[in-house]
Amino acid sequence: MPAHNRIQRKKRFLPVKRGFFIDVKTLAAALTSQSHSLDSLANSLDVPAQKQETDEHGKKLTDKYIEYAIQDTQTTWECFERLQVMYALHSLNHTPTVYDIPIDIFNTIPLALPAPGITRIDVTGGTTDGECTAVWTSDEISPSSVPKLSTGNGLVYIYSPKFMDPDGSGGTTMHEIAWYLTALDFETGDTEFQILTSTGKEWNVNYAAISIAPDGTAYVGALRGLMSVKDGIP
């Protein structure tokens, strides 16, 4: 092959094949007229990879829990494959995508952040005669993540959004939100620190949990990918 042809081939643009998000739960509800959990959906569709059970939610990350999470992903995929077959039976000239689900996770419409905040509530007594006591309330916002308490340092970690416009008037969009890993003191509720992780719609964690590794690294799964935040060297 002549040299000039090789050079031209190297510069040739290769288009990126982009995918779509599909809400399997909503698709299943539309096709079965029932509201399913992943467990009940897997049973109903009789997929090979049935959902497993675990008691390790919110605990130290282990190999066993990672295997559970991988199994959940496989179960969801197999449910989707069965639902695809059911969908095809309707002979619709349309492919369901993220734009068909009730909540567009990539929305660009104006929105307002939810009202703060976060409250620590202690439960004392038995399961039938216990009492709930509000210990403190923080003005921080954590609308789309599962908070995580580190018993090692006494900090509660949340993933909090802030408008990048100065007044937070609500004239902004998901493109213009900054995301922070925020730590609250478990005893007082005071904000100990905030670390800017990213900006923009694709860094929404979409209700994922924060995981704390044994070395103190915080892992946060967002729509764009997995982030890790750890102490730096002074």
C-alpha atoms as a PDB file:
ATOM      1  CA  MET A   1       0.000   0.000   0.000  1.00  0.00           C
ATOM      2  CA  PRO A   2       1.418   3.450  -0.927  1.00  0.00           C
ATOM      3  CA  ALA A   3       2.545   5.588   1.997  1.00  0.00           C
ATOM      4  CA  HIS A   4       0.112   8.415   1.246  1.00  0.00           C
ATOM      5  CA  ASN A   5      -2.837   5.987   1.394  1.00  0.00           C
ATOM      6  CA  ARG A   6      -1.751   4.750   4.819  1.00  0.00           C
ATOM      7  CA  ILE A   7      -1.602   8.329   6.100  1.00  0.00           C
ATOM      8  CA  GLN A   8      -5.076   9.117   4.789  1.00  0.00           C
ATOM      9  CA  ARG A   9      -6.489   6.004   6.417  1.00  0.00           C
ATOM     10  CA  LYS A  10      -5.054   6.984   9.795  1.00  0.00           C
ATOM     11  CA  LYS A  11      -6.846  10.336   9.616  1.00  0.00           C
ATOM     12  CA  ARG A  12     -10.196   8.863   8.638  1.00  0.00           C
ATOM     13  CA  PHE A  13     -12.941   9.670  11.142  1.00  0.00           C
ATOM     14  CA  LEU A  14     -14.615   6.655  12.705  1.00  0.00           C
ATOM     15  CA  PRO A  15     -18.125   7.447  13.987  1.00  0.00           C
ATOM     16  CA  VAL A  16     -18.899   6.583  17.597  1.00  0.00           C
ATOM     17  CA  LYS A  17     -21.746   4.147  18.164  1.00  0.00           C
ATOM     18  CA  ARG A  18     -23.796   5.640  20.957  1.00  0.00           C
ATOM     19  CA  GLY A  19     -26.367   3.757  23.004  1.00  0.00           C
ATOM     20  CA  PHE A  20     -29.465   4.653  24.986  1.00  0.00           C
ATOM     21  CA  PHE A  21     -30.792   4.210  28.498  1.00  0.00           C
ATOM     22  CA  ILE A  22     -33.915   2.120  29.000  1.00  0.00           C
ATOM     23  CA  ASP A  23     -35.876   1.895  32.231  1.00  0.00           C
ATOM     24  CA  VAL A  24     -36.471  -1.855  32.448  1.00  0.00           C
ATOM     25  CA  LYS A  25     -38.926  -1.485  35.347  1.00  0.00           C
ATOM     26  CA  THR A  26     -41.148   0.902  33.378  1.00  0.00           C
ATOM     27  CA  LEU A  27     -40.886  -1.185  30.205  1.00  0.00           C
ATOM     28  CA  ALA A  28     -41.907  -4.274  32.188  1.00  0.00           C
ATOM     29  CA  ALA A  29     -44.887  -2.433  33.712  1.00  0.00           C
ATOM     30  CA  ALA A  30     -46.049  -1.363  30.244  1.00  0.00           C
ATOM     31  CA  LEU A  31     -45.810  -4.910  28.842  1.00  0.00           C
ATOM     32  CA  THR A  32     -47.136  -6.871  31.826  1.00  0.00           C
ATOM     33  CA  SER A  33     -49.563  -4.375  33.392  1.00  0.00           C
ATOM     34  CA  GLN A  34     -47.871  -5.077  36.732  1.00  0.00           C
ATOM     35  CA  SER A  35     -45.360  -3.255  38.905  1.00  0.00           C
ATOM     36  CA  HIS A  36     -42.365  -5.526  39.475  1.00  0.00           C
ATOM     37  CA  SER A  37     -39.288  -5.613  41.634  1.00  0.00           C
ATOM     38  CA  LEU A  38     -36.236  -7.135  39.958  1.00  0.00           C
ATOM     39  CA  ASP A  39     -36.843 -10.320  41.943  1.00  0.00           C
ATOM     40  CA  SER A  40     -40.482 -10.701  40.920  1.00  0.00           C
ATOM     41  CA  LEU A  41     -39.733  -9.762  37.307  1.00  0.00           C
ATOM     42  CA  ALA A  42     -36.967 -12.354  37.046  1.00  0.00           C
ATOM     43  CA  ASN A  43     -39.320 -15.000  38.462  1.00  0.00           C
ATOM     44  CA  SER A  44     -42.147 -13.976  36.167  1.00  0.00           C
ATOM     45  CA  LEU A  45     -39.944 -14.066  33.055  1.00  0.00           C
ATOM     46  CA  ASP A  46     -38.144 -17.214  34.255  1.00  0.00           C
ATOM     47  CA  VAL A  47     -34.675 -15.931  33.342  1.00  0.00           C
ATOM     48  CA  PRO A  48     -31.659 -18.191  34.015  1.00  0.00           C
ATOM     49  CA  ALA A  49     -29.878 -15.672  36.265  1.00  0.00           C
ATOM     50  CA  GLN A  50     -32.309 -15.183  39.130  1.00  0.00           C
ATOM     51  CA  LYS A  51     -31.797 -12.334  41.589  1.00  0.00           C
ATOM     52  CA  GLN A  52     -29.711 -13.213  44.623  1.00  0.00           C
ATOM     53  CA  GLU A  53     -30.222 -12.081  48.208  1.00  0.00           C
ATOM     54  CA  THR A  54     -27.669 -10.305  50.392  1.00  0.00           C
ATOM     55  CA  ASP A  55     -27.421  -8.797  53.852  1.00  0.00           C
ATOM     56  CA  GLU A  56     -24.332  -6.740  52.995  1.00  0.00           C
ATOM     57  CA  HIS A  57     -26.054  -3.522  51.864  1.00  0.00           C
ATOM     58  CA  GLY A  58     -24.278  -0.521  53.386  1.00  0.00           C
ATOM     59  CA  LYS A  59     -21.473  -2.630  54.841  1.00  0.00           C
ATOM     60  CA  LYS A  60     -17.791  -3.053  53.982  1.00  0.00           C
ATOM     61  CA  LEU A  61     -17.277  -3.741  50.278  1.00  0.00           C
ATOM     62  CA  THR A  62     -16.376  -7.407  49.753  1.00  0.00           C
ATOM     63  CA  ASP A  63     -15.736  -9.734  46.815  1.00  0.00           C
ATOM     64  CA  LYS A  64     -19.011 -11.477  47.638  1.00  0.00           C
ATOM     65  CA  TYR A  65     -20.955  -8.200  47.421  1.00  0.00           C
ATOM     66  CA  ILE A  66     -19.304  -7.339  44.094  1.00  0.00           C
ATOM     67  CA  GLU A  67     -20.406 -10.747  42.782  1.00  0.00           C
ATOM     68  CA  TYR A  68     -23.936  -9.938  43.986  1.00  0.00           C
ATOM     69  CA  ALA A  69     -23.877  -6.625  42.092  1.00  0.00           C
ATOM     70  CA  ILE A  70     -22.618  -8.325  38.923  1.00  0.00           C
ATOM     71  CA  GLN A  71     -25.379 -10.922  39.235  1.00  0.00           C
ATOM     72  CA  ASP A  72     -27.957  -8.111  39.558  1.00  0.00           C
ATOM     73  CA  THR A  73     -26.663  -6.608  36.318  1.00  0.00           C
ATOM     74  CA  GLN A  74     -26.877  -9.977  34.554  1.00  0.00           C
ATOM     75  CA  THR A  75     -30.410 -10.531  35.852  1.00  0.00           C
ATOM     76  CA  THR A  76     -31.486  -7.096  34.613  1.00  0.00           C
ATOM     77  CA  TRP A  77     -29.983  -7.773  31.183  1.00  0.00           C
ATOM     78  CA  GLU A  78     -31.711 -11.136  30.827  1.00  0.00           C
ATOM     79  CA  CYS A  79     -35.027  -9.568  31.860  1.00  0.00           C
ATOM     80  CA  PHE A  80     -34.522  -6.909  29.204  1.00  0.00           C
ATOM     81  CA  GLU A  81     -33.846  -9.572  26.554  1.00  0.00           C
ATOM     82  CA  ARG A  82     -37.128 -11.311  27.411  1.00  0.00           C
ATOM     83  CA  LEU A  83     -38.970  -7.979  27.371  1.00  0.00           C
ATOM     84  CA  GLN A  84     -37.515  -7.217  23.938  1.00  0.00           C
ATOM     85  CA  VAL A  85     -39.141 -10.376  22.611  1.00  0.00           C
ATOM     86  CA  MET A  86     -42.464  -9.412  24.175  1.00  0.00           C
ATOM     87  CA  TYR A  87     -42.187  -5.895  22.747  1.00  0.00           C
ATOM     88  CA  ALA A  88     -41.488  -7.234  19.256  1.00  0.00           C
ATOM     89  CA  LEU A  89     -44.767  -9.168  19.306  1.00  0.00           C
ATOM     90  CA  HIS A  90     -46.636  -5.859  19.146  1.00  0.00           C
ATOM     91  CA  SER A  91     -45.034  -5.046  15.754  1.00  0.00           C
ATOM     92  CA  LEU A  92     -44.365  -1.428  16.707  1.00  0.00           C
ATOM     93  CA  ASN A  93     -42.113   0.582  14.414  1.00  0.00           C
ATOM     94  CA  HIS A  94     -40.395   2.207  17.333  1.00  0.00           C
ATOM     95  CA  THR A  95     -37.522   1.328  19.658  1.00  0.00           C
ATOM     96  CA  PRO A  96     -38.014   2.299  23.334  1.00  0.00           C
ATOM     97  CA  THR A  97     -35.254   4.578  24.559  1.00  0.00           C
ATOM     98  CA  VAL A  98     -34.531   6.871  27.481  1.00  0.00           C
ATOM     99  CA  TYR A  99     -36.940   9.424  26.030  1.00  0.00           C
ATOM    100  CA  ASP A 100     -39.888   7.112  26.649  1.00  0.00           C
ATOM    101  CA  ILE A 101     -39.436   6.795  30.415  1.00  0.00           C
ATOM    102  CA  PRO A 102     -41.224   9.115  32.864  1.00  0.00           C
ATOM    103  CA  ILE A 103     -38.020  10.785  34.105  1.00  0.00           C
ATOM    104  CA  ASP A 104     -35.372  11.803  31.579  1.00  0.00           C
ATOM    105  CA  ILE A 105     -32.080  11.516  33.481  1.00  0.00           C
ATOM    106  CA  PHE A 106     -30.432  13.708  30.854  1.00  0.00           C
ATOM    107  CA  ASN A 107     -33.082  16.427  31.018  1.00  0.00           C
ATOM    108  CA  THR A 108     -32.231  19.967  29.975  1.00  0.00           C
ATOM    109  CA  ILE A 109     -35.372  21.718  31.158  1.00  0.00           C
ATOM    110  CA  PRO A 110     -35.166  24.389  33.878  1.00  0.00           C
ATOM    111  CA  LEU A 111     -35.396  22.903  37.341  1.00  0.00           C
ATOM    112  CA  ALA A 112     -35.120  23.884  40.982  1.00  0.00           C
ATOM    113  CA  LEU A 113     -33.128  22.085  43.618  1.00  0.00           C
ATOM    114  CA  PRO A 114     -35.179  20.428  46.365  1.00  0.00           C
ATOM    115  CA  ALA A 115     -35.527  22.092  49.732  1.00  0.00           C
ATOM    116  CA  PRO A 116     -32.805  21.151  52.224  1.00  0.00           C
ATOM    117  CA  GLY A 117     -31.920  19.332  54.387  1.00  0.00           C
ATOM    118  CA  ILE A 118     -30.794  16.161  56.145  1.00  0.00           C
ATOM    119  CA  THR A 119     -31.936  15.087  59.623  1.00  0.00           C
ATOM    120  CA  ARG A 120     -30.382  12.583  62.000  1.00  0.00           C
ATOM    121  CA  ILE A 121     -33.090  10.662  63.865  1.00  0.00           C
ATOM    122  CA  ASP A 122     -32.193   8.304  66.706  1.00  0.00           C
ATOM    123  CA  VAL A 123     -34.542   5.425  67.502  1.00  0.00           C
ATOM    124  CA  THR A 124     -34.589   4.186  71.098  1.00  0.00           C
ATOM    125  CA  GLY A 125     -36.563   1.435  72.805  1.00  0.00           C
ATOM    126  CA  GLY A 126     -38.082  -1.689  71.311  1.00  0.00           C
ATOM    127  CA  THR A 127     -39.522  -2.358  67.899  1.00  0.00           C
ATOM    128  CA  THR A 128     -43.095  -1.763  69.065  1.00  0.00           C
ATOM    129  CA  ASP A 129     -42.692   0.903  71.756  1.00  0.00           C
ATOM    130  CA  GLY A 130     -39.623   2.755  70.466  1.00  0.00           C
ATOM    131  CA  GLU A 131     -39.286   6.527  70.233  1.00  0.00           C
ATOM    132  CA  CYS A 132     -37.785   8.700  67.504  1.00  0.00           C
ATOM    133  CA  THR A 133     -35.735  11.743  68.441  1.00  0.00           C
ATOM    134  CA  ALA A 134     -34.443  14.362  65.982  1.00  0.00           C
ATOM    135  CA  VAL A 135     -30.807  15.053  66.917  1.00  0.00           C
ATOM    136  CA  TRP A 136     -29.820  17.606  64.285  1.00  0.00           C
ATOM    137  CA  THR A 137     -30.777  18.950  60.868  1.00  0.00           C
ATOM    138  CA  SER A 138     -28.320  20.049  58.188  1.00  0.00           C
ATOM    139  CA  ASP A 139     -29.110  22.468  55.381  1.00  0.00           C
ATOM    140  CA  GLU A 140     -27.108  20.403  52.907  1.00  0.00           C
ATOM    141  CA  ILE A 141     -28.923  18.743  49.989  1.00  0.00           C
ATOM    142  CA  SER A 142     -28.622  15.086  49.048  1.00  0.00           C
ATOM    143  CA  PRO A 143     -31.525  14.287  46.709  1.00  0.00           C
ATOM    144  CA  SER A 144     -30.068  11.484  44.613  1.00  0.00           C
ATOM    145  CA  SER A 145     -27.606   9.449  46.657  1.00  0.00           C
ATOM    146  CA  VAL A 146     -27.675   7.057  49.602  1.00  0.00           C
ATOM    147  CA  PRO A 147     -25.710   8.646  52.509  1.00  0.00           C
ATOM    148  CA  LYS A 148     -22.972   6.542  54.087  1.00  0.00           C
ATOM    149  CA  LEU A 149     -21.656   6.733  57.676  1.00  0.00           C
ATOM    150  CA  SER A 150     -18.014   5.911  58.357  1.00  0.00           C
ATOM    151  CA  THR A 151     -17.782   4.611  61.916  1.00  0.00           C
ATOM    152  CA  GLY A 152     -14.002   4.994  61.671  1.00  0.00           C
ATOM    153  CA  ASN A 153     -13.982   8.799  61.462  1.00  0.00           C
ATOM    154  CA  GLY A 154     -17.565   9.644  62.458  1.00  0.00           C
ATOM    155  CA  LEU A 155     -18.416  11.343  59.168  1.00  0.00           C
ATOM    156  CA  VAL A 156     -21.590  11.000  57.096  1.00  0.00           C
ATOM    157  CA  TYR A 157     -20.843  11.210  53.376  1.00  0.00           C
ATOM    158  CA  ILE A 158     -23.394  12.586  50.939  1.00  0.00           C
ATOM    159  CA  TYR A 159     -23.329  13.617  47.273  1.00  0.00           C
ATOM    160  CA  SER A 160     -24.736  17.114  46.988  1.00  0.00           C
ATOM    161  CA  PRO A 161     -25.580  19.297  43.968  1.00  0.00           C
ATOM    162  CA  LYS A 162     -25.308  23.072  43.778  1.00  0.00           C
ATOM    163  CA  PHE A 163     -26.370  25.520  41.104  1.00  0.00           C
ATOM    164  CA  MET A 164     -23.472  27.161  39.350  1.00  0.00           C
ATOM    165  CA  ASP A 165     -25.504  30.344  38.955  1.00  0.00           C
ATOM    166  CA  PRO A 166     -24.954  32.645  41.963  1.00  0.00           C
ATOM    167  CA  ASP A 167     -28.529  32.942  43.207  1.00  0.00           C
ATOM    168  CA  GLY A 168     -29.769  29.425  42.467  1.00  0.00           C
ATOM    169  CA  SER A 169     -32.909  30.926  40.996  1.00  0.00           C
ATOM    170  CA  GLY A 170     -33.992  27.818  39.190  1.00  0.00           C
ATOM    171  CA  GLY A 171     -33.226  29.175  35.743  1.00  0.00           C
ATOM    172  CA  THR A 172     -30.465  26.640  35.360  1.00  0.00           C
ATOM    173  CA  THR A 173     -30.462  23.139  33.875  1.00  0.00           C
ATOM    174  CA  MET A 174     -28.882  19.786  34.645  1.00  0.00           C
ATOM    175  CA  HIS A 175     -25.976  20.921  32.453  1.00  0.00           C
ATOM    176  CA  GLU A 176     -25.202  23.664  34.968  1.00  0.00           C
ATOM    177  CA  ILE A 177     -25.059  21.814  38.267  1.00  0.00           C
ATOM    178  CA  ALA A 178     -21.875  21.235  40.254  1.00  0.00           C
ATOM    179  CA  TRP A 179     -21.576  18.015  42.267  1.00  0.00           C
ATOM    180  CA  TYR A 180     -19.763  17.713  45.598  1.00  0.00           C
ATOM    181  CA  LEU A 181     -18.764  14.901  47.899  1.00  0.00           C
ATOM    182  CA  THR A 182     -19.786  16.385  51.243  1.00  0.00           C
ATOM    183  CA  ALA A 183     -18.952  15.149  54.754  1.00  0.00           C
ATOM    184  CA  LEU A 184     -21.094  15.887  57.819  1.00  0.00           C
ATOM    185  CA  ASP A 185     -20.125  15.360  61.452  1.00  0.00           C
ATOM    186  CA  PHE A 186     -22.316  12.523  62.748  1.00  0.00           C
ATOM    187  CA  GLU A 187     -22.475  14.003  66.253  1.00  0.00           C
ATOM    188  CA  THR A 188     -23.272  17.622  65.367  1.00  0.00           C
ATOM    189  CA  GLY A 189     -24.429  17.668  61.745  1.00  0.00           C
ATOM    190  CA  ASP A 190     -21.846  20.338  60.909  1.00  0.00           C
ATOM    191  CA  THR A 191     -20.411  20.313  57.395  1.00  0.00           C
ATOM    192  CA  GLU A 192     -16.767  19.264  57.723  1.00  0.00           C
ATOM    193  CA  PHE A 193     -15.714  19.602  54.080  1.00  0.00           C
ATOM    194  CA  GLN A 194     -16.909  19.574  50.485  1.00  0.00           C
ATOM    195  CA  ILE A 195     -14.938  18.360  47.476  1.00  0.00           C
ATOM    196  CA  LEU A 196     -15.969  19.384  43.959  1.00  0.00           C
ATOM    197  CA  THR A 197     -16.061  16.182  41.903  1.00  0.00           C
ATOM    198  CA  SER A 198     -17.552  17.318  38.610  1.00  0.00           C
ATOM    199  CA  THR A 199     -20.072  19.510  36.803  1.00  0.00           C
ATOM    200  CA  GLY A 200     -22.878  18.673  34.409  1.00  0.00           C
ATOM    201  CA  LYS A 201     -25.755  16.276  33.894  1.00  0.00           C
ATOM    202  CA  GLU A 202     -23.676  13.150  33.311  1.00  0.00           C
ATOM    203  CA  TRP A 203     -22.260  13.200  36.854  1.00  0.00           C
ATOM    204  CA  ASN A 204     -25.611  12.705  38.556  1.00  0.00           C
ATOM    205  CA  VAL A 205     -25.351   9.538  40.663  1.00  0.00           C
ATOM    206  CA  ASN A 206     -29.010   8.676  39.980  1.00  0.00           C
ATOM    207  CA  TYR A 207     -29.642   7.260  43.506  1.00  0.00           C
ATOM    208  CA  ALA A 208     -26.468   5.189  43.743  1.00  0.00           C
ATOM    209  CA  ALA A 209     -24.859   4.590  47.129  1.00  0.00           C
ATOM    210  CA  ILE A 210     -21.502   5.944  48.266  1.00  0.00           C
ATOM    211  CA  SER A 211     -19.017   3.188  49.150  1.00  0.00           C
ATOM    212  CA  ILE A 212     -16.097   3.593  51.559  1.00  0.00           C
ATOM    213  CA  ALA A 213     -13.115   1.274  51.060  1.00  0.00           C
ATOM    214  CA  PRO A 214     -10.908   0.030  53.939  1.00  0.00           C
ATOM    215  CA  ASP A 215      -8.209   2.563  52.989  1.00  0.00           C
ATOM    216  CA  GLY A 216     -10.695   5.440  53.315  1.00  0.00           C
ATOM    217  CA  THR A 217     -11.269   5.988  49.603  1.00  0.00           C
ATOM    218  CA  ALA A 218     -14.824   7.022  48.730  1.00  0.00           C
ATOM    219  CA  TYR A 219     -16.276   5.546  45.548  1.00  0.00           C
ATOM    220  CA  VAL A 220     -19.229   7.174  43.799  1.00  0.00           C
ATOM    221  CA  GLY A 221     -20.911   5.706  40.733  1.00  0.00           C
ATOM    222  CA  ALA A 222     -22.326   8.333  38.371  1.00  0.00           C
ATOM    223  CA  LEU A 223     -23.980   8.095  34.962  1.00  0.00           C
ATOM    224  CA  ARG A 224     -20.642   8.914  33.318  1.00  0.00           C
ATOM    225  CA  GLY A 225     -18.598   6.404  35.300  1.00  0.00           C
ATOM    226  CA  LEU A 226     -17.019   5.560  38.640  1.00  0.00           C
ATOM    227  CA  MET A 227     -15.271   8.254  40.692  1.00  0.00           C
ATOM    228  CA  SER A 228     -12.867   7.803  43.580  1.00  0.00           C
ATOM    229  CA  VAL A 229     -12.032  10.466  46.164  1.00  0.00           C
ATOM    230  CA  LYS A 230      -9.229   9.984  48.694  1.00  0.00           C
ATOM    231  CA  ASP A 231      -6.910  11.999  50.917  1.00  0.00           C
ATOM    232  CA  GLY A 232      -4.011  13.628  49.121  1.00  0.00           C
ATOM    233  CA  ILE A 233      -0.477  14.169  50.303  1.00  0.00           C
ATOM    234  CA  PRO A 234      -0.121  17.552  52.090  1.00  0.00           C
END
